[in-house]
Amino acid sequence: MQEWKRTSYNEAAGGLVIRTGHDYNNLYVLLDFIPQHKFSKYSDYGIICMVANPSKERYPQKDDYCFLITLGSKNPITLQGGSSLGENNPHTSYEFKIPIEIVGRSDKYGFYAAVYDINANRVYSWPEITTEKNFPDIPSSTNWGELISPDKSLPEFQWPLLVLVSAIFTIIYLTRRKQISFN
């Protein structure tokens, strides 16, 4: 409950809950498929796809990334556009930790998330995209939604500090000015 408390919460079709957050160096995504009660190890999977500064290209580009993990597996797959080869990137469950340096810093990301339930033989996704195939039929990035940047929040911490420092200097200035005018 506490680990994901400070993340954004989005509910997709079929009861898929998507939580996203960051710690300035990594993006975190949790795919929580609440309605699923039957589990099939090594068949059910979770997948997220991302691209920094989406250009909505029809075919996967080198900056398009997908991260897939099957239930019970300790060998997730990282797919990068522009190539049919995947890389292994160890991490278990449907919790994803993605170094920002891989996908790049941006104020907007193209984003796709899905889970596959083999017992229902169905893919549940955000955005909801109907597919004929079941095992990771990743739609074109032109059909992905948008994740408005966790990175965009980084400067927000600087602005309040700037406002606070400016307010303190203004108060000091006004206080000294009043003292001078009373003397």
C-alpha atoms as a PDB file:
ATOM      1  CA  MET A   1       0.000   0.000   0.000  1.00  0.00           C
ATOM      2  CA  GLN A   2       2.742   2.485   0.892  1.00  0.00           C
ATOM      3  CA  GLU A   3       5.206   1.617  -1.865  1.00  0.00           C
ATOM      4  CA  TRP A   4       2.910   2.827  -4.657  1.00  0.00           C
ATOM      5  CA  LYS A   5       1.020   5.507  -2.678  1.00  0.00           C
ATOM      6  CA  ARG A   6       2.856   8.492  -4.244  1.00  0.00           C
ATOM      7  CA  THR A   7       2.304   7.351  -7.824  1.00  0.00           C
ATOM      8  CA  SER A   8      -0.377   8.253 -10.334  1.00  0.00           C
ATOM      9  CA  TYR A   9      -3.402   5.973 -10.520  1.00  0.00           C
ATOM     10  CA  ASN A  10      -5.219   5.109 -13.742  1.00  0.00           C
ATOM     11  CA  GLU A  11      -7.854   2.457 -14.296  1.00  0.00           C
ATOM     12  CA  ALA A  12      -8.211   0.903 -17.751  1.00  0.00           C
ATOM     13  CA  ALA A  13     -10.854  -1.328 -19.286  1.00  0.00           C
ATOM     14  CA  GLY A  14     -11.484  -4.683 -17.643  1.00  0.00           C
ATOM     15  CA  GLY A  15     -10.183  -3.602 -14.233  1.00  0.00           C
ATOM     16  CA  LEU A  16      -6.532  -3.130 -15.181  1.00  0.00           C
ATOM     17  CA  VAL A  17      -4.956  -0.606 -12.800  1.00  0.00           C
ATOM     18  CA  ILE A  18      -1.835   1.221 -13.971  1.00  0.00           C
ATOM     19  CA  ARG A  19       0.338   3.097 -11.480  1.00  0.00           C
ATOM     20  CA  THR A  20       3.284   5.181 -12.634  1.00  0.00           C
ATOM     21  CA  GLY A  21       5.941   7.147 -10.808  1.00  0.00           C
ATOM     22  CA  HIS A  22       9.616   8.068 -10.831  1.00  0.00           C
ATOM     23  CA  ASP A  23      12.563   8.783  -8.558  1.00  0.00           C
ATOM     24  CA  TYR A  24      14.415  11.102 -11.004  1.00  0.00           C
ATOM     25  CA  ASN A  25      16.539   8.199 -12.285  1.00  0.00           C
ATOM     26  CA  ASN A  26      13.987   5.456 -12.899  1.00  0.00           C
ATOM     27  CA  LEU A  27      10.422   5.147 -14.113  1.00  0.00           C
ATOM     28  CA  TYR A  28       8.228   2.730 -12.179  1.00  0.00           C
ATOM     29  CA  VAL A  29       5.120   1.112 -13.597  1.00  0.00           C
ATOM     30  CA  LEU A  30       2.797  -1.292 -11.815  1.00  0.00           C
ATOM     31  CA  LEU A  31       0.216  -3.252 -13.791  1.00  0.00           C
ATOM     32  CA  ASP A  32      -2.345  -4.576 -11.329  1.00  0.00           C
ATOM     33  CA  PHE A  33      -4.992  -6.743 -12.971  1.00  0.00           C
ATOM     34  CA  ILE A  34      -7.504  -6.930 -10.118  1.00  0.00           C
ATOM     35  CA  PRO A  35     -10.261  -9.140 -11.651  1.00  0.00           C
ATOM     36  CA  GLN A  36      -7.930 -12.042 -12.477  1.00  0.00           C
ATOM     37  CA  HIS A  37      -8.471 -15.002 -10.120  1.00  0.00           C
ATOM     38  CA  LYS A  38      -6.909 -17.840 -12.135  1.00  0.00           C
ATOM     39  CA  PHE A  39      -3.211 -17.565 -12.824  1.00  0.00           C
ATOM     40  CA  SER A  40      -1.084 -19.375 -15.392  1.00  0.00           C
ATOM     41  CA  LYS A  41       2.628 -19.188 -14.756  1.00  0.00           C
ATOM     42  CA  TYR A  42       4.763 -18.579 -17.830  1.00  0.00           C
ATOM     43  CA  SER A  43       1.662 -17.766 -19.925  1.00  0.00           C
ATOM     44  CA  ASP A  44       0.060 -14.649 -18.394  1.00  0.00           C
ATOM     45  CA  TYR A  45       2.151 -11.575 -19.017  1.00  0.00           C
ATOM     46  CA  GLY A  46       2.394  -7.841 -18.471  1.00  0.00           C
ATOM     47  CA  ILE A  47       3.859  -5.468 -21.029  1.00  0.00           C
ATOM     48  CA  ILE A  48       4.522  -1.740 -21.188  1.00  0.00           C
ATOM     49  CA  CYS A  49       5.798   0.220 -24.165  1.00  0.00           C
ATOM     50  CA  MET A  50       7.265   3.715 -24.143  1.00  0.00           C
ATOM     51  CA  VAL A  51       8.803   6.292 -26.413  1.00  0.00           C
ATOM     52  CA  ALA A  52      10.166   9.683 -25.342  1.00  0.00           C
ATOM     53  CA  ASN A  53       8.955  12.615 -27.438  1.00  0.00           C
ATOM     54  CA  PRO A  54       6.544  10.487 -29.467  1.00  0.00           C
ATOM     55  CA  SER A  55       6.533  11.109 -33.198  1.00  0.00           C
ATOM     56  CA  LYS A  56       3.676   8.697 -33.942  1.00  0.00           C
ATOM     57  CA  GLU A  57       5.633   6.729 -36.531  1.00  0.00           C
ATOM     58  CA  ARG A  58       3.807   3.829 -38.110  1.00  0.00           C
ATOM     59  CA  TYR A  59       6.668   1.344 -37.595  1.00  0.00           C
ATOM     60  CA  PRO A  60       8.777   0.835 -34.447  1.00  0.00           C
ATOM     61  CA  GLN A  61      11.721   3.214 -34.288  1.00  0.00           C
ATOM     62  CA  LYS A  62      14.982   2.817 -32.348  1.00  0.00           C
ATOM     63  CA  ASP A  63      13.611   4.985 -29.510  1.00  0.00           C
ATOM     64  CA  ASP A  64      10.487   2.781 -29.038  1.00  0.00           C
ATOM     65  CA  TYR A  65      10.886   0.349 -26.130  1.00  0.00           C
ATOM     66  CA  CYS A  66       8.689  -2.446 -24.811  1.00  0.00           C
ATOM     67  CA  PHE A  67       9.289  -4.308 -21.555  1.00  0.00           C
ATOM     68  CA  LEU A  68       7.581  -7.703 -21.145  1.00  0.00           C
ATOM     69  CA  ILE A  69       7.490 -10.106 -18.218  1.00  0.00           C
ATOM     70  CA  THR A  70       5.585 -13.365 -17.962  1.00  0.00           C
ATOM     71  CA  LEU A  71       4.080 -14.394 -14.629  1.00  0.00           C
ATOM     72  CA  GLY A  72       6.638 -16.406 -12.662  1.00  0.00           C
ATOM     73  CA  SER A  73       9.532 -15.664 -14.994  1.00  0.00           C
ATOM     74  CA  LYS A  74      12.796 -14.160 -13.841  1.00  0.00           C
ATOM     75  CA  ASN A  75      13.841 -13.378 -17.411  1.00  0.00           C
ATOM     76  CA  PRO A  76      11.927 -10.416 -18.763  1.00  0.00           C
ATOM     77  CA  ILE A  77      12.354  -9.225 -22.305  1.00  0.00           C
ATOM     78  CA  THR A  78      13.232  -5.740 -23.481  1.00  0.00           C
ATOM     79  CA  LEU A  79      12.301  -4.985 -27.070  1.00  0.00           C
ATOM     80  CA  GLN A  80      13.684  -2.007 -28.953  1.00  0.00           C
ATOM     81  CA  GLY A  81      12.211  -0.731 -32.193  1.00  0.00           C
ATOM     82  CA  GLY A  82      14.250  -0.795 -35.339  1.00  0.00           C
ATOM     83  CA  SER A  83      15.326  -4.373 -34.595  1.00  0.00           C
ATOM     84  CA  SER A  84      13.693  -7.758 -34.134  1.00  0.00           C
ATOM     85  CA  LEU A  85      16.080  -8.697 -31.335  1.00  0.00           C
ATOM     86  CA  GLY A  86      15.283  -8.358 -27.630  1.00  0.00           C
ATOM     87  CA  GLU A  87      17.572  -7.947 -24.630  1.00  0.00           C
ATOM     88  CA  ASN A  88      17.138  -9.528 -21.223  1.00  0.00           C
ATOM     89  CA  ASN A  89      16.690  -7.113 -18.308  1.00  0.00           C
ATOM     90  CA  PRO A  90      16.111  -9.107 -15.052  1.00  0.00           C
ATOM     91  CA  HIS A  91      13.169  -8.034 -12.894  1.00  0.00           C
ATOM     92  CA  THR A  92      10.246 -10.122 -11.621  1.00  0.00           C
ATOM     93  CA  SER A  93       6.456  -9.574 -11.542  1.00  0.00           C
ATOM     94  CA  TYR A  94       4.425  -6.904 -13.287  1.00  0.00           C
ATOM     95  CA  GLU A  95       6.359  -4.173 -11.543  1.00  0.00           C
ATOM     96  CA  PHE A  96       8.642  -2.401 -13.956  1.00  0.00           C
ATOM     97  CA  LYS A  97      11.682  -0.311 -13.082  1.00  0.00           C
ATOM     98  CA  ILE A  98      13.029   1.386 -16.178  1.00  0.00           C
ATOM     99  CA  PRO A  99      16.120   3.603 -16.069  1.00  0.00           C
ATOM    100  CA  ILE A 100      15.158   6.965 -17.568  1.00  0.00           C
ATOM    101  CA  GLU A 101      18.458   6.982 -19.472  1.00  0.00           C
ATOM    102  CA  ILE A 102      17.146   4.059 -21.590  1.00  0.00           C
ATOM    103  CA  VAL A 103      13.998   5.767 -22.884  1.00  0.00           C
ATOM    104  CA  GLY A 104      15.296   9.323 -22.505  1.00  0.00           C
ATOM    105  CA  ARG A 105      14.073  12.333 -20.531  1.00  0.00           C
ATOM    106  CA  SER A 106      10.999  13.996 -21.934  1.00  0.00           C
ATOM    107  CA  ASP A 107       7.941  15.960 -20.852  1.00  0.00           C
ATOM    108  CA  LYS A 108       5.719  13.577 -22.844  1.00  0.00           C
ATOM    109  CA  TYR A 109       5.945   9.857 -23.562  1.00  0.00           C
ATOM    110  CA  GLY A 110       3.992   7.649 -25.914  1.00  0.00           C
ATOM    111  CA  PHE A 111       2.709   4.891 -23.623  1.00  0.00           C
ATOM    112  CA  TYR A 112       1.029   1.498 -23.986  1.00  0.00           C
ATOM    113  CA  ALA A 113       0.383  -1.021 -21.204  1.00  0.00           C
ATOM    114  CA  ALA A 114      -1.259  -4.438 -21.340  1.00  0.00           C
ATOM    115  CA  VAL A 115      -1.734  -7.701 -19.486  1.00  0.00           C
ATOM    116  CA  TYR A 116      -2.585 -11.037 -21.046  1.00  0.00           C
ATOM    117  CA  ASP A 117      -4.828 -13.534 -19.243  1.00  0.00           C
ATOM    118  CA  ILE A 118      -4.424 -16.941 -20.875  1.00  0.00           C
ATOM    119  CA  ASN A 119      -7.494 -18.367 -19.093  1.00  0.00           C
ATOM    120  CA  ALA A 120      -9.722 -15.699 -20.646  1.00  0.00           C
ATOM    121  CA  ASN A 121      -7.537 -15.709 -23.799  1.00  0.00           C
ATOM    122  CA  ARG A 122      -7.716 -11.936 -23.771  1.00  0.00           C
ATOM    123  CA  VAL A 123      -5.428  -8.912 -23.743  1.00  0.00           C
ATOM    124  CA  TYR A 124      -6.473  -5.993 -21.508  1.00  0.00           C
ATOM    125  CA  SER A 125      -4.735  -2.792 -22.480  1.00  0.00           C
ATOM    126  CA  TRP A 126      -4.456   0.952 -22.087  1.00  0.00           C
ATOM    127  CA  PRO A 127      -5.349   2.518 -24.310  1.00  0.00           C
ATOM    128  CA  GLU A 128      -7.888  -0.185 -25.113  1.00  0.00           C
ATOM    129  CA  ILE A 129      -6.918  -1.647 -28.468  1.00  0.00           C
ATOM    130  CA  THR A 130      -8.614  -4.725 -29.892  1.00  0.00           C
ATOM    131  CA  THR A 131      -6.162  -7.205 -31.361  1.00  0.00           C
ATOM    132  CA  GLU A 132      -6.587 -10.473 -33.224  1.00  0.00           C
ATOM    133  CA  LYS A 133      -3.389 -11.967 -31.842  1.00  0.00           C
ATOM    134  CA  ASN A 134      -2.764 -12.755 -28.191  1.00  0.00           C
ATOM    135  CA  PHE A 135       0.937 -12.987 -27.507  1.00  0.00           C
ATOM    136  CA  PRO A 136       2.481  -9.619 -27.549  1.00  0.00           C
ATOM    137  CA  ASP A 137       0.867  -8.104 -30.565  1.00  0.00           C
ATOM    138  CA  ILE A 138       2.221  -4.639 -29.918  1.00  0.00           C
ATOM    139  CA  PRO A 139       0.215  -2.004 -31.740  1.00  0.00           C
ATOM    140  CA  SER A 140       1.870   0.764 -33.728  1.00  0.00           C
ATOM    141  CA  SER A 141       2.964   3.714 -31.598  1.00  0.00           C
ATOM    142  CA  THR A 142       0.443   5.798 -33.525  1.00  0.00           C
ATOM    143  CA  ASN A 143      -2.185   4.026 -31.383  1.00  0.00           C
ATOM    144  CA  TRP A 144      -0.432   4.466 -28.032  1.00  0.00           C
ATOM    145  CA  GLY A 145      -1.707   6.903 -25.421  1.00  0.00           C
ATOM    146  CA  GLU A 146       0.330   9.607 -23.710  1.00  0.00           C
ATOM    147  CA  LEU A 147       2.062   9.592 -20.367  1.00  0.00           C
ATOM    148  CA  ILE A 148       2.622  13.185 -19.334  1.00  0.00           C
ATOM    149  CA  SER A 149       6.056  13.160 -17.908  1.00  0.00           C
ATOM    150  CA  PRO A 150       7.206  12.207 -14.499  1.00  0.00           C
ATOM    151  CA  ASP A 151      10.298  14.134 -15.646  1.00  0.00           C
ATOM    152  CA  LYS A 152       8.198  17.274 -16.113  1.00  0.00           C
ATOM    153  CA  SER A 153       7.721  17.413 -12.348  1.00  0.00           C
ATOM    154  CA  LEU A 154      11.471  17.790 -11.739  1.00  0.00           C
ATOM    155  CA  PRO A 155      11.528  21.568 -12.278  1.00  0.00           C
ATOM    156  CA  GLU A 156       8.465  22.029 -10.060  1.00  0.00           C
ATOM    157  CA  PHE A 157      10.666  21.501  -7.034  1.00  0.00           C
ATOM    158  CA  GLN A 158      12.890  24.399  -8.111  1.00  0.00           C
ATOM    159  CA  TRP A 159      10.032  26.901  -8.615  1.00  0.00           C
ATOM    160  CA  PRO A 160       8.616  26.687  -5.069  1.00  0.00           C
ATOM    161  CA  LEU A 161      12.134  27.130  -3.743  1.00  0.00           C
ATOM    162  CA  LEU A 162      12.631  30.150  -6.006  1.00  0.00           C
ATOM    163  CA  VAL A 163       9.291  31.631  -4.869  1.00  0.00           C
ATOM    164  CA  LEU A 164      10.147  30.975  -1.201  1.00  0.00           C
ATOM    165  CA  VAL A 165      13.582  32.613  -1.519  1.00  0.00           C
ATOM    166  CA  SER A 166      12.060  35.579  -3.392  1.00  0.00           C
ATOM    167  CA  ALA A 167       9.378  35.983  -0.711  1.00  0.00           C
ATOM    168  CA  ILE A 168      11.972  35.919   2.076  1.00  0.00           C
ATOM    169  CA  PHE A 169      14.098  38.569   0.343  1.00  0.00           C
ATOM    170  CA  THR A 170      10.984  40.714  -0.269  1.00  0.00           C
ATOM    171  CA  ILE A 171      10.010  40.501   3.420  1.00  0.00           C
ATOM    172  CA  ILE A 172      13.553  41.378   4.506  1.00  0.00           C
ATOM    173  CA  TYR A 173      13.613  44.314   2.076  1.00  0.00           C
ATOM    174  CA  LEU A 174      10.226  45.648   3.212  1.00  0.00           C
ATOM    175  CA  THR A 175      11.111  45.192   6.890  1.00  0.00           C
ATOM    176  CA  ARG A 176      14.406  47.092   6.499  1.00  0.00           C
ATOM    177  CA  ARG A 177      12.705  49.793   4.452  1.00  0.00           C
ATOM    178  CA  LYS A 178      10.137  50.346   7.217  1.00  0.00           C
ATOM    179  CA  GLN A 179      12.895  50.465   9.822  1.00  0.00           C
ATOM    180  CA  ILE A 180      14.796  53.071   7.806  1.00  0.00           C
ATOM    181  CA  SER A 181      11.691  55.220   7.303  1.00  0.00           C
ATOM    182  CA  PHE A 182      10.878  55.140  11.059  1.00  0.00           C
ATOM    183  CA  ASN A 183      14.379  56.339  11.975  1.00  0.00           C
END
